[in-house]
Amino acid sequence: MEIKKNDEFELVITDLGSEGEGIGRFDGMPFFIKGAIPGDTVLAGVTKMKKTYGYARIVKILDPSPDRVAPACPIAGRCGGCQLQHMSYAAQLKHKQDKVLNDLVRIGGIVKDSFVFPAGDEICAAESGKAAADGRISFYPIIGMGEPYHYRNKGQFPVGTSKDGSIISGFYAGHTHSIIDTGSCMLQHPITDLLMAAVKEYMREAGVSAYDEEAAAEKGASRGSADEPGIVRHVLTRVGYRTGEVMVCVVINAKKLPKEELLVSRLEEAVLNYNSRINDRAAGTGAADIPAVPEDTSEYHLASVSLNINTRNTNVIMGEKCRLLFGNLYITDCIGDIKYRISPLSFYQVNPVQTQKLYATALEFAGLTGKETVWDLYCGIGTISLFLAQRAKKVYGVEIVGQAIGDARANAELNNISNAEFFVGAAEEVLPAKYAADPSMRADVIVVDPPRKGCDEALLECITKLEPKKIVYVSCDPATLSRDVKYLGQHGYALKAVRPCDMFPQTSHVECVTLLQRMSNTRERTITPDVEMED
């Protein structure tokens, strides 16, 4: 049967895709449908056909899934920020847990019967050890959030102009650069709404225009030309959930703004307004229009206002240089007992409540006693490194971005941590060179927390040749995790424990911590660093 665009047919949704779209089969062919969830029966309208699959839209929901709920956000269907608000949170957690398990089986080649599923939320070392000794893999329940909204400590908002000339900001519609104007976001810290309103108020008062990406691309216009494409491109916000420190960084297509002091003033007013409203909420007076957030502090203060200069004709958000307008070029926040200094360009986990649980799981899997040497690869600003340093003899962090290593060293000093050391470079080059120079630096445990693409194979090869006793792999993509687990399994490491963590409720993404151990029959090997010797 030939299926073509605009055909309509009934479809039962049985699964979710990697971006949260529903998947159902018609005449044996899979179709991806945005907004559909498992258990739905829909009338589907074909929008695009490929050779082996197709895309469709929901014409009508014929029989809704029992897991379908009304989204908390009125623009959830149009905005690209959330994919699963129309799915109950319990169902979201089950789907994410199943995805990790299924990817490990399908991509990682792990036999499904190898898994055991401990009950309860606590990790039991004795129970895990017994399962590992029996050749079983402990798969712990996913770590969910008690309140899965308003958890994000960071926002990046494009700024534009509507058809009637109004300044708008918000999020891009899925797979487009069309801005959906957003007055409030259910995932961001609520103070963010007031900060964005303050920036737009400043722009109107100071006569500052929004950047037009399409105009810039079409005309090749730049600042100072007759067809200049506007000034304000994006606004970045960060909020310290534990410290109450607030950052606003305005990304501009210029080197300065008119009336910069007015921008600072409007932002200060926004923070004071927020404090007043949370005080009213606590006292039970006034309008209860400010939702509570996880680990909410009692008072917030504006700690950093800066400009990020990005005059390139590009869709890359941030430029390389920032100019301070107010306060410091950083804020601080805490994960557990560790305080971190965070700049506009720093990578820092966006969900502080779940990050503490994620890192605590990594710490449990590492099984540190205070005698171990740990290497943290992809260490960034030292978030995991310093967390591990609380229980390790020595921690070494490696990161290819020099600025991040500077931040990591500053964070170690900030916390008076003396048993953490950081190196700039590619881990597959740094590790063997350091090992050769000083055998005492050999790792008992290696921790990796790579980007979504997973670990480079050169790094995995380096790790297996260096033969640490344990590898703790923190992943933000179950598919690439499973691919890398398969490689490690073929090179002497057995998967022993798995725990998913929902870092991004209402979205399709899931993080995961896994423990791999070196198999006892792995033969001893040495490694020679790849360095050129002079004659």
Protein backbone atom coordinates (compact mmCIF):
# COMPACT_ATOMS: atom_id res chain seq x y z
CA MET A 1 0.00 0.00 0.00
CA GLU A 2 1.43 3.37 -1.02
CA ILE A 3 1.24 6.00 1.73
CA LYS A 4 1.55 9.63 0.72
CA LYS A 5 1.41 13.10 2.26
CA ASN A 6 -2.01 14.16 3.64
CA ASP A 7 -3.26 10.57 3.95
CA GLU A 8 -5.17 10.01 7.18
CA PHE A 9 -5.50 6.81 9.20
CA GLU A 10 -6.05 5.55 12.74
CA LEU A 11 -2.88 4.89 14.72
CA VAL A 12 -2.20 3.33 18.14
CA ILE A 13 0.85 4.91 19.83
CA THR A 14 3.14 2.33 21.42
CA ASP A 15 6.42 4.15 22.16
CA LEU A 16 8.24 7.49 22.36
CA GLY A 17 11.09 8.71 20.16
CA SER A 18 14.30 10.37 21.33
CA GLU A 19 12.70 13.82 21.16
CA GLY A 20 9.49 12.84 22.93
CA GLU A 21 7.40 12.23 19.81
CA GLY A 22 4.89 9.38 19.79
CA ILE A 23 5.60 6.32 17.63
CA GLY A 24 2.97 4.11 16.05
CA ARG A 25 2.93 1.70 13.10
CA PHE A 26 0.64 1.68 10.09
CA ASP A 27 0.96 -1.08 7.54
CA GLY A 28 4.24 -2.04 9.24
CA MET A 29 5.80 1.40 8.85
CA PRO A 30 6.70 3.52 11.91
CA PHE A 31 5.33 7.07 12.12
CA PHE A 32 6.58 9.82 14.44
CA ILE A 33 3.87 12.12 15.80
CA LYS A 34 4.59 15.17 17.96
CA GLY A 35 2.29 15.43 20.98
CA ALA A 36 1.24 11.77 21.00
CA ILE A 37 2.12 9.44 23.88
CA PRO A 38 1.95 5.67 24.40
CA GLY A 39 -1.63 4.52 24.92
CA ASP A 40 -3.16 7.18 22.64
CA THR A 41 -5.28 6.18 19.67
CA VAL A 42 -5.21 9.04 17.18
CA LEU A 43 -6.37 9.97 13.73
CA ALA A 44 -3.02 10.75 12.10
CA GLY A 45 -2.38 12.97 9.08
CA VAL A 46 0.82 12.28 7.13
CA THR A 47 3.14 15.32 6.84
CA LYS A 48 6.29 13.77 5.36
CA MET A 49 7.36 10.39 4.01
CA LYS A 50 10.78 8.77 4.03
CA LYS A 51 11.74 5.37 2.57
CA THR A 52 11.32 3.40 5.79
CA TYR A 53 9.36 5.72 8.10
CA GLY A 54 7.14 8.78 8.11
CA TYR A 55 6.01 11.83 10.08
CA ALA A 56 2.43 12.70 10.92
CA ARG A 57 0.36 15.15 12.96
CA ILE A 58 -2.53 14.55 15.29
CA VAL A 59 -5.76 15.29 13.43
CA LYS A 60 -7.84 14.09 16.37
CA ILE A 61 -7.27 12.14 19.55
CA LEU A 62 -9.76 9.28 19.26
CA ASP A 63 -8.98 7.62 22.58
CA PRO A 64 -6.57 9.34 24.98
CA SER A 65 -3.92 7.43 26.89
CA PRO A 66 -4.61 6.97 30.63
CA ASP A 67 -1.24 8.75 31.11
CA ARG A 68 -2.35 11.87 29.22
CA VAL A 69 -2.76 15.03 31.35
CA ALA A 70 -3.44 18.70 30.66
CA PRO A 71 -0.13 20.60 30.31
CA ALA A 72 0.54 23.10 33.11
CA CYS A 73 1.85 25.62 30.53
CA PRO A 74 -0.55 27.16 27.99
CA ILE A 75 2.09 27.23 25.21
CA ALA A 76 3.63 23.80 25.88
CA GLY A 77 2.44 22.49 22.52
CA ARG A 78 4.13 25.28 20.53
CA CYS A 79 7.26 25.95 22.59
CA GLY A 80 10.31 23.76 21.99
CA GLY A 81 11.41 23.77 25.64
CA CYS A 82 9.21 20.90 26.89
CA GLN A 83 8.24 17.72 25.08
CA LEU A 84 6.30 15.77 27.73
CA GLN A 85 4.12 18.13 29.79
CA HIS A 86 1.06 16.32 28.42
CA MET A 87 2.27 13.05 30.01
CA SER A 88 1.87 12.28 33.70
CA TYR A 89 5.10 12.56 35.65
CA ALA A 90 4.90 8.94 36.82
CA ALA A 91 4.65 7.84 33.18
CA GLN A 92 7.57 10.10 32.22
CA LEU A 93 9.76 8.42 34.84
CA LYS A 94 8.76 4.92 33.72
CA HIS A 95 9.47 5.78 30.09
CA LYS A 96 12.91 7.18 30.92
CA GLN A 97 13.84 4.21 33.06
CA ASP A 98 12.69 1.81 30.33
CA LYS A 99 14.66 3.77 27.72
CA VAL A 100 17.93 3.38 29.66
CA LEU A 101 17.30 -0.35 30.14
CA ASN A 102 16.26 -0.96 26.54
CA ASP A 103 19.22 0.95 25.09
CA LEU A 104 21.66 -1.04 27.24
CA VAL A 105 20.09 -4.25 25.90
CA ARG A 106 19.60 -3.16 22.27
CA ILE A 107 22.74 -1.08 21.72
CA GLY A 108 25.00 -2.19 24.56
CA GLY A 109 24.44 -5.89 23.96
CA ILE A 110 23.66 -6.59 27.63
CA VAL A 111 21.52 -9.70 28.19
CA LYS A 112 18.27 -8.50 29.78
CA ASP A 113 18.20 -11.40 32.24
CA SER A 114 21.52 -10.11 33.64
CA PHE A 115 19.73 -7.26 35.41
CA VAL A 116 18.35 -7.39 38.93
CA PHE A 117 16.07 -4.65 40.19
CA PRO A 118 16.61 -3.77 43.87
CA ALA A 119 13.56 -2.36 45.63
CA GLY A 120 13.63 1.03 47.35
CA ASP A 121 15.65 4.16 46.69
CA GLU A 122 18.74 3.42 48.78
CA ILE A 123 21.85 1.92 47.22
CA CYS A 124 22.94 -1.12 49.23
CA ALA A 125 26.65 -1.83 48.72
CA ALA A 126 26.33 -5.36 50.11
CA GLU A 127 23.41 -6.15 47.84
CA SER A 128 25.20 -4.70 44.81
CA GLY A 129 28.34 -6.63 45.69
CA LYS A 130 26.43 -9.90 45.91
CA ALA A 131 24.73 -9.25 42.57
CA ALA A 132 28.08 -8.38 40.98
CA ALA A 133 29.67 -11.54 42.38
CA ASP A 134 26.87 -13.55 40.76
CA GLY A 135 27.47 -11.81 37.43
CA ARG A 136 24.29 -9.74 37.78
CA ILE A 137 23.84 -6.00 37.18
CA SER A 138 21.98 -3.91 39.77
CA PHE A 139 19.52 -1.59 38.03
CA TYR A 140 18.27 0.91 40.62
CA PRO A 141 14.99 2.87 40.32
CA ILE A 142 15.15 6.22 38.54
CA ILE A 143 15.61 9.24 40.79
CA GLY A 144 12.63 11.54 40.22
CA MET A 145 11.73 14.97 41.59
CA GLY A 146 9.12 15.61 44.24
CA GLU A 147 8.11 18.84 42.48
CA PRO A 148 9.09 18.57 38.79
CA TYR A 149 8.70 22.26 37.90
CA HIS A 150 10.74 25.49 38.32
CA TYR A 151 13.99 23.55 38.66
CA ARG A 152 16.21 25.29 36.10
CA ASN A 153 18.88 27.65 37.43
CA LYS A 154 19.82 28.84 33.95
CA GLY A 155 17.88 30.32 31.05
CA GLN A 156 18.90 31.45 27.57
CA PHE A 157 16.23 33.53 25.89
CA PRO A 158 16.33 34.81 22.31
CA VAL A 159 15.03 38.35 21.90
CA GLY A 160 13.16 39.54 18.81
CA THR A 161 10.44 41.78 17.42
CA SER A 162 6.84 40.76 16.73
CA LYS A 163 4.92 41.72 13.59
CA ASP A 164 3.41 44.71 15.41
CA GLY A 165 6.85 45.95 16.47
CA SER A 166 6.72 44.78 20.10
CA ILE A 167 9.80 43.36 21.77
CA ILE A 168 9.37 39.65 22.46
CA SER A 169 11.46 36.97 24.17
CA GLY A 170 11.04 33.34 25.04
CA PHE A 171 11.95 30.07 23.37
CA TYR A 172 12.21 28.82 19.83
CA ALA A 173 9.41 26.69 18.48
CA GLY A 174 10.63 23.14 17.89
CA HIS A 175 13.17 22.84 15.03
CA THR A 176 12.79 26.52 14.09
CA HIS A 177 14.19 29.92 14.97
CA SER A 178 10.71 31.39 15.39
CA ILE A 179 10.42 32.91 18.88
CA ILE A 180 7.41 31.91 20.97
CA ASP A 181 6.83 34.92 23.23
CA THR A 182 6.92 33.64 26.81
CA GLY A 183 5.82 35.66 29.81
CA SER A 184 6.33 32.77 32.21
CA CYS A 185 8.12 29.41 32.07
CA MET A 186 7.14 26.42 34.20
CA LEU A 187 10.71 25.05 34.19
CA GLN A 188 12.67 28.19 35.05
CA HIS A 189 13.12 29.72 38.51
CA PRO A 190 10.17 32.16 38.85
CA ILE A 191 12.45 35.18 39.34
CA THR A 192 13.49 34.71 35.72
CA ASP A 193 10.08 35.96 34.52
CA LEU A 194 10.61 39.27 36.33
CA LEU A 195 14.19 39.60 35.06
CA MET A 196 13.11 39.15 31.44
CA ALA A 197 10.27 41.65 31.88
CA ALA A 198 12.81 44.13 33.29
CA VAL A 199 15.15 43.71 30.28
CA LYS A 200 12.31 44.32 27.84
CA GLU A 201 11.13 47.34 29.84
CA TYR A 202 14.67 48.75 29.69
CA MET A 203 14.82 48.17 25.91
CA ARG A 204 11.58 50.09 25.38
CA GLU A 205 12.66 52.98 27.61
CA ALA A 206 16.16 53.26 26.12
CA GLY A 207 15.06 52.70 22.53
CA VAL A 208 17.21 49.59 22.13
CA SER A 209 16.30 47.30 19.23
CA ALA A 210 16.27 43.51 19.12
CA TYR A 211 18.60 41.60 16.83
CA ASP A 212 17.05 40.23 13.63
CA GLU A 213 18.85 37.01 12.72
CA GLU A 214 17.11 36.62 9.36
CA ALA A 215 17.86 40.19 8.30
CA ALA A 216 21.49 39.77 9.27
CA ALA A 217 21.76 36.55 7.26
CA GLU A 218 20.01 37.97 4.19
CA LYS A 219 21.84 41.29 4.02
CA GLY A 220 25.11 40.41 5.70
CA ALA A 221 24.50 43.54 7.73
CA SER A 222 26.61 44.41 10.75
CA ARG A 223 26.73 47.16 13.34
CA GLY A 224 27.25 50.57 11.80
CA SER A 225 25.75 49.71 8.39
CA ALA A 226 22.57 51.26 7.03
CA ASP A 227 20.75 47.95 7.39
CA GLU A 228 22.09 47.04 10.81
CA PRO A 229 20.14 44.10 12.23
CA GLY A 230 19.58 45.32 15.82
CA ILE A 231 21.41 45.05 19.13
CA VAL A 232 20.05 42.64 21.78
CA ARG A 233 20.37 39.02 20.68
CA HIS A 234 19.87 36.87 23.79
CA VAL A 235 19.55 37.18 27.55
CA LEU A 236 21.24 34.64 29.81
CA THR A 237 20.08 34.29 33.42
CA ARG A 238 21.46 32.24 36.30
CA VAL A 239 20.09 31.87 39.82
CA GLY A 240 21.85 30.43 42.85
CA TYR A 241 19.14 28.31 44.48
CA ARG A 242 21.12 28.00 47.73
CA THR A 243 22.84 31.42 47.79
CA GLY A 244 20.10 33.61 46.30
CA GLU A 245 22.61 35.23 43.92
CA VAL A 246 21.21 36.36 40.56
CA MET A 247 23.06 36.86 37.26
CA VAL A 248 21.91 38.54 34.06
CA CYS A 249 24.11 38.59 30.96
CA VAL A 250 22.79 40.40 27.89
CA VAL A 251 24.24 39.20 24.59
CA ILE A 252 24.56 42.13 22.20
CA ASN A 253 25.50 42.82 18.60
CA ALA A 254 27.53 45.85 19.72
CA LYS A 255 30.22 46.84 22.20
CA LYS A 256 27.99 48.81 24.55
CA LEU A 257 24.38 49.72 25.31
CA PRO A 258 22.82 53.15 25.74
CA LYS A 259 21.88 53.99 29.33
CA GLU A 260 23.54 50.91 30.80
CA GLU A 261 22.86 52.17 34.32
CA LEU A 262 19.11 52.06 33.52
CA LEU A 263 19.37 48.34 32.72
CA VAL A 264 21.00 47.68 36.10
CA SER A 265 18.37 49.79 37.87
CA ARG A 266 15.46 47.92 36.25
CA LEU A 267 17.01 44.56 37.18
CA GLU A 268 17.54 45.64 40.79
CA GLU A 269 13.88 46.65 40.97
CA ALA A 270 12.85 43.26 39.59
CA VAL A 271 14.78 41.39 42.29
CA LEU A 272 13.35 43.60 45.05
CA ASN A 273 9.87 43.03 43.65
CA TYR A 274 10.42 39.26 43.73
CA ASN A 275 11.62 39.38 47.34
CA SER A 276 8.55 41.38 48.31
CA ARG A 277 6.25 38.86 46.65
CA ILE A 278 7.84 35.79 48.29
CA ASN A 279 7.58 37.59 51.65
CA ASP A 280 3.88 38.18 50.97
CA ARG A 281 3.49 34.51 50.06
CA ALA A 282 5.19 33.43 53.29
CA ALA A 283 2.98 35.79 55.34
CA GLY A 284 -0.18 34.72 53.53
CA THR A 285 -0.84 38.27 52.32
CA GLY A 286 -1.06 39.71 48.83
CA ALA A 287 -1.42 37.72 45.64
CA ALA A 288 0.00 34.19 45.90
CA ASP A 289 1.36 34.40 42.34
CA ILE A 290 4.93 33.25 43.01
CA PRO A 291 5.30 29.46 43.03
CA ALA A 292 7.61 27.78 45.50
CA VAL A 293 10.79 26.30 44.07
CA PRO A 294 13.05 23.47 45.26
CA GLU A 295 15.49 24.64 47.97
CA ASP A 296 13.98 28.15 47.80
CA THR A 297 15.99 30.70 49.77
CA SER A 298 14.36 33.53 51.71
CA GLU A 299 16.00 36.41 49.88
CA TYR A 300 17.61 37.03 46.49
CA HIS A 301 20.05 39.72 45.41
CA LEU A 302 21.43 40.91 42.10
CA ALA A 303 25.08 39.82 42.08
CA SER A 304 26.14 40.07 38.43
CA VAL A 305 25.11 42.09 35.37
CA SER A 306 27.27 41.88 32.27
CA LEU A 307 27.27 42.24 28.50
CA ASN A 308 28.47 39.48 26.21
CA ILE A 309 29.80 40.82 22.91
CA ASN A 310 28.77 38.81 19.86
CA THR A 311 28.94 40.83 16.63
CA ARG A 312 29.40 37.82 14.36
CA ASN A 313 26.81 36.93 11.74
CA THR A 314 26.10 33.54 13.34
CA ASN A 315 23.43 31.65 15.27
CA VAL A 316 25.97 30.79 18.00
CA ILE A 317 24.53 32.33 21.18
CA MET A 318 27.55 33.53 23.14
CA GLY A 319 30.58 35.52 22.07
CA GLU A 320 34.01 35.10 23.64
CA LYS A 321 34.20 38.32 25.70
CA CYS A 322 32.08 39.65 28.57
CA ARG A 323 32.07 43.18 30.00
CA LEU A 324 30.96 43.72 33.59
CA LEU A 325 28.29 46.33 34.37
CA PHE A 326 27.50 45.53 38.00
CA GLY A 327 28.74 43.28 40.81
CA ASN A 328 31.05 40.39 39.88
CA LEU A 329 31.46 38.48 36.65
CA TYR A 330 30.23 35.38 38.47
CA ILE A 331 27.76 34.11 41.03
CA THR A 332 28.23 31.30 43.54
CA ASP A 333 26.02 28.34 44.36
CA CYS A 334 26.36 25.06 46.25
CA ILE A 335 26.01 21.36 45.55
CA GLY A 336 25.97 19.67 48.92
CA ASP A 337 28.74 21.26 50.98
CA ILE A 338 30.76 22.42 47.95
CA LYS A 339 30.50 26.00 46.72
CA TYR A 340 31.08 26.79 43.04
CA ARG A 341 31.90 30.03 41.24
CA ILE A 342 29.90 30.23 38.01
CA SER A 343 30.58 32.71 35.19
CA PRO A 344 28.36 33.42 32.14
CA LEU A 345 30.41 31.02 30.01
CA SER A 346 30.77 28.24 32.61
CA PHE A 347 29.15 24.84 32.18
CA TYR A 348 27.16 24.09 35.33
CA GLN A 349 24.32 21.59 35.75
CA VAL A 350 20.96 23.35 35.40
CA ASN A 351 19.03 21.36 38.02
CA PRO A 352 20.78 21.83 41.40
CA VAL A 353 18.43 19.57 43.38
CA GLN A 354 18.89 16.58 41.06
CA THR A 355 22.59 17.31 40.53
CA GLN A 356 23.27 16.64 44.21
CA LYS A 357 21.47 13.29 43.90
CA LEU A 358 23.29 12.47 40.67
CA TYR A 359 26.72 13.20 42.16
CA ALA A 360 25.85 11.37 45.38
CA THR A 361 25.08 8.30 43.26
CA ALA A 362 28.42 8.65 41.44
CA LEU A 363 30.12 8.90 44.84
CA GLU A 364 28.35 5.74 46.07
CA PHE A 365 29.26 3.82 42.93
CA ALA A 366 32.91 4.90 43.25
CA GLY A 367 33.01 3.36 46.73
CA LEU A 368 35.74 5.69 47.97
CA THR A 369 37.39 5.03 51.35
CA GLY A 370 39.93 7.87 51.41
CA LYS A 371 42.77 5.77 49.98
CA GLU A 372 41.95 6.07 46.28
CA THR A 373 43.38 8.15 43.44
CA VAL A 374 40.58 9.35 41.14
CA TRP A 375 40.78 10.87 37.67
CA ASP A 376 37.80 12.97 36.54
CA LEU A 377 37.75 13.34 32.77
CA TYR A 378 35.65 16.07 31.10
CA CYS A 379 35.90 17.78 34.50
CA GLY A 380 34.68 21.24 33.43
CA ILE A 381 34.80 23.68 36.36
CA GLY A 382 35.44 20.83 38.79
CA THR A 383 31.85 20.09 39.83
CA ILE A 384 32.25 16.32 40.17
CA SER A 385 35.98 16.49 41.01
CA LEU A 386 35.46 18.56 44.14
CA PHE A 387 32.48 16.47 45.18
CA LEU A 388 34.65 13.33 44.95
CA ALA A 389 37.60 15.00 46.70
CA GLN A 390 35.64 14.87 49.96
CA ARG A 391 36.25 11.09 50.14
CA ALA A 392 39.28 10.44 47.92
CA LYS A 393 42.99 10.53 48.69
CA LYS A 394 43.67 12.54 45.52
CA VAL A 395 41.58 13.73 42.58
CA TYR A 396 42.95 14.81 39.20
CA GLY A 397 40.70 16.62 36.74
CA VAL A 398 41.29 16.99 33.00
CA GLU A 399 39.47 19.37 30.66
CA ILE A 400 40.39 20.62 27.19
CA VAL A 401 38.94 24.11 27.81
CA GLY A 402 41.53 26.26 29.57
CA GLN A 403 39.06 28.74 31.07
CA ALA A 404 37.13 25.89 32.71
CA ILE A 405 40.32 24.62 34.35
CA GLY A 406 40.97 28.12 35.70
CA ASP A 407 37.49 28.06 37.23
CA ALA A 408 38.09 24.56 38.65
CA ARG A 409 41.28 25.69 40.40
CA ALA A 410 39.48 28.76 41.77
CA ASN A 411 36.66 26.54 43.05
CA ALA A 412 39.13 24.25 44.81
CA GLU A 413 40.69 27.27 46.51
CA LEU A 414 37.25 28.65 47.39
CA ASN A 415 36.49 25.42 49.29
CA ASN A 416 39.96 24.98 50.81
CA ILE A 417 40.33 21.67 48.97
CA SER A 418 43.99 20.77 48.64
CA ASN A 419 43.73 17.21 47.31
CA ALA A 420 42.42 18.17 43.84
CA GLU A 421 44.67 19.08 40.92
CA PHE A 422 43.62 20.10 37.40
CA PHE A 423 45.24 19.84 33.96
CA VAL A 424 44.42 21.41 30.60
CA GLY A 425 44.43 19.12 27.59
CA ALA A 426 42.88 16.11 25.91
CA ALA A 427 42.53 13.33 28.47
CA GLU A 428 43.84 10.65 26.10
CA GLU A 429 47.11 12.63 25.92
CA VAL A 430 47.34 13.94 29.48
CA LEU A 431 46.71 10.64 31.28
CA PRO A 432 49.44 8.47 29.75
CA ALA A 433 52.00 11.28 29.96
CA LYS A 434 51.27 11.84 33.66
CA TYR A 435 51.30 8.11 34.38
CA ALA A 436 54.70 7.71 32.72
CA ALA A 437 56.16 10.67 34.62
CA ASP A 438 54.78 9.63 38.02
CA PRO A 439 53.45 6.08 38.58
CA SER A 440 51.84 7.20 41.87
CA MET A 441 49.25 9.08 39.79
CA ARG A 442 47.71 5.83 38.56
CA ALA A 443 43.94 5.81 38.93
CA ASP A 444 41.99 3.46 41.12
CA VAL A 445 38.80 5.05 39.78
CA ILE A 446 38.18 6.99 36.57
CA VAL A 447 35.04 9.14 36.27
CA VAL A 448 33.76 10.32 32.90
CA ASP A 449 30.92 12.79 32.31
CA PRO A 450 31.04 13.38 28.53
CA PRO A 451 28.75 15.53 26.35
CA ARG A 452 25.78 13.98 24.58
CA LYS A 453 27.96 12.44 21.85
CA GLY A 454 29.64 10.22 24.46
CA CYS A 455 33.35 9.42 24.83
CA ASP A 456 35.77 9.52 21.93
CA GLU A 457 36.99 6.01 21.13
CA ALA A 458 40.60 7.19 21.56
CA LEU A 459 39.77 8.08 25.16
CA LEU A 460 38.05 4.75 25.82
CA GLU A 461 41.08 2.94 24.43
CA CYS A 462 43.35 4.99 26.68
CA ILE A 463 41.21 4.23 29.76
CA THR A 464 41.17 0.49 29.18
CA LYS A 465 44.93 0.38 28.65
CA LEU A 466 45.49 2.22 31.93
CA GLU A 467 43.33 -0.37 33.73
CA PRO A 468 41.64 1.45 36.61
CA LYS A 469 39.76 -0.85 38.98
CA LYS A 470 36.49 1.04 38.43
CA ILE A 471 34.95 3.35 35.85
CA VAL A 472 32.03 5.55 36.88
CA TYR A 473 30.29 6.78 33.73
CA VAL A 474 27.85 9.71 34.08
CA SER A 475 25.82 10.04 30.89
CA CYS A 476 23.27 12.44 29.43
CA ASP A 477 22.39 10.14 26.50
CA PRO A 478 21.47 6.46 27.05
CA ALA A 479 22.25 5.58 23.42
CA THR A 480 25.87 6.79 23.44
CA LEU A 481 26.31 5.42 26.97
CA SER A 482 25.23 2.00 25.72
CA ARG A 483 27.59 2.20 22.77
CA ASP A 484 30.49 3.01 25.09
CA VAL A 485 29.49 0.31 27.62
CA LYS A 486 29.66 -2.20 24.76
CA TYR A 487 33.19 -1.06 23.85
CA LEU A 488 34.33 -1.21 27.47
CA GLY A 489 32.78 -4.65 27.86
CA GLN A 490 34.81 -5.86 24.88
CA HIS A 491 37.97 -4.49 26.50
CA GLY A 492 37.88 -5.95 29.98
CA TYR A 493 35.18 -4.03 31.91
CA ALA A 494 31.90 -5.46 33.16
CA LEU A 495 28.81 -3.36 33.86
CA LYS A 496 27.87 -3.74 37.54
CA ALA A 497 25.32 -1.05 38.46
CA VAL A 498 23.00 1.43 36.76
CA ARG A 499 20.88 4.30 38.09
CA PRO A 500 18.93 6.75 35.90
CA CYS A 501 18.27 10.26 37.22
CA ASP A 502 15.62 12.64 35.91
CA MET A 503 17.57 15.88 35.57
CA PHE A 504 15.10 17.41 33.10
CA PRO A 505 11.45 16.73 34.05
CA GLN A 506 8.85 17.49 31.35
CA THR A 507 11.46 16.85 28.63
CA SER A 508 12.58 13.70 26.83
CA HIS A 509 16.12 13.77 28.27
CA VAL A 510 17.45 11.49 31.01
CA GLU A 511 20.82 11.20 32.77
CA CYS A 512 22.30 8.02 34.14
CA VAL A 513 25.16 6.84 36.38
CA THR A 514 26.78 3.49 35.70
CA LEU A 515 29.53 1.51 37.40
CA LEU A 516 31.92 -0.71 35.46
CA GLN A 517 34.60 -2.88 37.07
CA ARG A 518 37.75 -4.39 35.59
CA MET A 519 37.37 -8.11 35.13
CA SER A 520 39.88 -10.15 37.10
CA ASN A 521 41.20 -12.04 34.08
CA THR A 522 42.38 -8.83 32.38
CA ARG A 523 46.10 -9.23 31.79
CA GLU A 524 48.53 -6.60 33.04
CA ARG A 525 49.59 -4.07 30.45
CA THR A 526 51.73 -0.97 30.25
CA ILE A 527 51.26 2.14 28.15
CA THR A 528 53.75 4.43 26.55
CA PRO A 529 52.82 8.09 26.17
CA ASP A 530 52.60 9.44 22.62
CA VAL A 531 55.43 11.96 22.81
CA GLU A 532 58.11 12.77 20.29
CA MET A 533 61.68 12.25 21.52
CA GLU A 534 64.53 14.45 20.38
CA ASP A 535 67.51 12.75 18.73
